[in-house]
Amino acid sequence: MSKELLDDFSVTLEMTVRDINILLNALNLPAQTPATTAIYFINNIQSQAGPQVEQAKRNLEAVEKAQKDET
């Protein structure tokens, strides 16, 4: 599977305005960000993006298999 294609795949994340503001502040002042805040966003992003990336992998593998079957 082409890692470059997967790297360019877009994921959709849903966050509240409050979460976005907290994240932007954390990125602006990383030294002052509590570890629990960072862990919260890491887990939030992984739980939303993970299934989307796995589906993209399956789709790419299906396309590659179909292309091989055509030849």
C-alpha atoms as a PDB file:
ATOM      1  CA  MET A   1       0.000   0.000   0.000  1.00  0.00           C
ATOM      2  CA  SER A   2       1.242   3.458  -0.830  1.00  0.00           C
ATOM      3  CA  LYS A   3       2.049   5.281   2.405  1.00  0.00           C
ATOM      4  CA  GLU A   4       2.098   8.575   0.499  1.00  0.00           C
ATOM      5  CA  LEU A   5      -1.554   8.148  -0.458  1.00  0.00           C
ATOM      6  CA  LEU A   6      -2.490   7.391   3.129  1.00  0.00           C
ATOM      7  CA  ASP A   7      -0.471  10.375   4.387  1.00  0.00           C
ATOM      8  CA  ASP A   8      -2.565  12.644   2.168  1.00  0.00           C
ATOM      9  CA  PHE A   9      -5.877  11.200   3.359  1.00  0.00           C
ATOM     10  CA  SER A  10      -8.031  13.732   5.218  1.00  0.00           C
ATOM     11  CA  VAL A  11      -9.724  12.939   8.505  1.00  0.00           C
ATOM     12  CA  THR A  12     -12.646  14.777  10.042  1.00  0.00           C
ATOM     13  CA  LEU A  13     -12.507  15.724  13.707  1.00  0.00           C
ATOM     14  CA  GLU A  14     -15.386  17.081  15.732  1.00  0.00           C
ATOM     15  CA  MET A  15     -14.596  19.329  18.687  1.00  0.00           C
ATOM     16  CA  THR A  16     -16.500  21.856  20.688  1.00  0.00           C
ATOM     17  CA  VAL A  17     -15.524  25.503  20.448  1.00  0.00           C
ATOM     18  CA  ARG A  18     -14.300  25.218  24.051  1.00  0.00           C
ATOM     19  CA  ASP A  19     -12.030  22.301  23.108  1.00  0.00           C
ATOM     20  CA  ILE A  20     -10.689  24.161  20.082  1.00  0.00           C
ATOM     21  CA  ASN A  21      -9.846  27.183  22.225  1.00  0.00           C
ATOM     22  CA  ILE A  22      -8.143  24.999  24.822  1.00  0.00           C
ATOM     23  CA  LEU A  23      -6.153  23.239  22.107  1.00  0.00           C
ATOM     24  CA  LEU A  24      -5.098  26.504  20.463  1.00  0.00           C
ATOM     25  CA  ASN A  25      -3.989  27.894  23.814  1.00  0.00           C
ATOM     26  CA  ALA A  26      -2.087  24.690  24.536  1.00  0.00           C
ATOM     27  CA  LEU A  27      -0.305  24.901  21.192  1.00  0.00           C
ATOM     28  CA  ASN A  28       0.508  28.544  21.800  1.00  0.00           C
ATOM     29  CA  LEU A  29       1.939  27.912  25.281  1.00  0.00           C
ATOM     30  CA  PRO A  30       3.052  24.254  25.261  1.00  0.00           C
ATOM     31  CA  ALA A  31       5.256  24.595  28.353  1.00  0.00           C
ATOM     32  CA  GLN A  32       2.217  25.615  30.403  1.00  0.00           C
ATOM     33  CA  THR A  33      -0.040  22.817  29.147  1.00  0.00           C
ATOM     34  CA  PRO A  34      -0.902  20.206  31.792  1.00  0.00           C
ATOM     35  CA  ALA A  35      -0.203  16.630  30.760  1.00  0.00           C
ATOM     36  CA  THR A  36      -3.858  15.733  31.298  1.00  0.00           C
ATOM     37  CA  THR A  37      -4.869  18.278  28.662  1.00  0.00           C
ATOM     38  CA  ALA A  38      -2.406  16.862  26.156  1.00  0.00           C
ATOM     39  CA  ILE A  39      -3.539  13.304  26.898  1.00  0.00           C
ATOM     40  CA  TYR A  40      -7.184  14.320  26.495  1.00  0.00           C
ATOM     41  CA  PHE A  41      -6.542  15.703  23.001  1.00  0.00           C
ATOM     42  CA  ILE A  42      -4.306  12.805  21.976  1.00  0.00           C
ATOM     43  CA  ASN A  43      -7.011  10.317  22.962  1.00  0.00           C
ATOM     44  CA  ASN A  44      -9.749  12.423  21.366  1.00  0.00           C
ATOM     45  CA  ILE A  45      -7.907  12.666  18.059  1.00  0.00           C
ATOM     46  CA  GLN A  46      -6.901   8.993  18.053  1.00  0.00           C
ATOM     47  CA  SER A  47     -10.438   7.805  18.800  1.00  0.00           C
ATOM     48  CA  GLN A  48     -11.870   9.886  15.953  1.00  0.00           C
ATOM     49  CA  ALA A  49      -9.098   9.543  13.385  1.00  0.00           C
ATOM     50  CA  GLY A  50      -8.190   5.904  14.010  1.00  0.00           C
ATOM     51  CA  PRO A  51     -11.317   4.345  12.501  1.00  0.00           C
ATOM     52  CA  GLN A  52     -11.186   6.744   9.550  1.00  0.00           C
ATOM     53  CA  VAL A  53      -7.562   5.862   8.803  1.00  0.00           C
ATOM     54  CA  GLU A  54      -8.280   2.144   9.102  1.00  0.00           C
ATOM     55  CA  GLN A  55     -11.153   2.496   6.622  1.00  0.00           C
ATOM     56  CA  ALA A  56      -8.884   4.433   4.249  1.00  0.00           C
ATOM     57  CA  LYS A  57      -6.307   1.605   4.487  1.00  0.00           C
ATOM     58  CA  ARG A  58      -8.961  -0.967   3.622  1.00  0.00           C
ATOM     59  CA  ASN A  59     -10.146   1.154   0.695  1.00  0.00           C
ATOM     60  CA  LEU A  60      -6.605   1.587  -0.656  1.00  0.00           C
ATOM     61  CA  GLU A  61      -5.930  -2.133  -0.293  1.00  0.00           C
ATOM     62  CA  ALA A  62      -9.151  -2.913  -2.170  1.00  0.00           C
ATOM     63  CA  VAL A  63      -8.173  -0.560  -4.993  1.00  0.00           C
ATOM     64  CA  GLU A  64      -4.692  -2.072  -5.208  1.00  0.00           C
ATOM     65  CA  LYS A  65      -6.150  -5.579  -5.273  1.00  0.00           C
ATOM     66  CA  ALA A  66      -8.616  -4.601  -8.009  1.00  0.00           C
ATOM     67  CA  GLN A  67      -5.799  -3.089 -10.069  1.00  0.00           C
ATOM     68  CA  LYS A  68      -3.728  -6.266  -9.724  1.00  0.00           C
ATOM     69  CA  ASP A  69      -6.719  -8.417 -10.684  1.00  0.00           C
ATOM     70  CA  GLU A  70      -7.159  -6.369 -13.878  1.00  0.00           C
ATOM     71  CA  THR A  71      -3.645  -7.204 -15.077  1.00  0.00           C
END
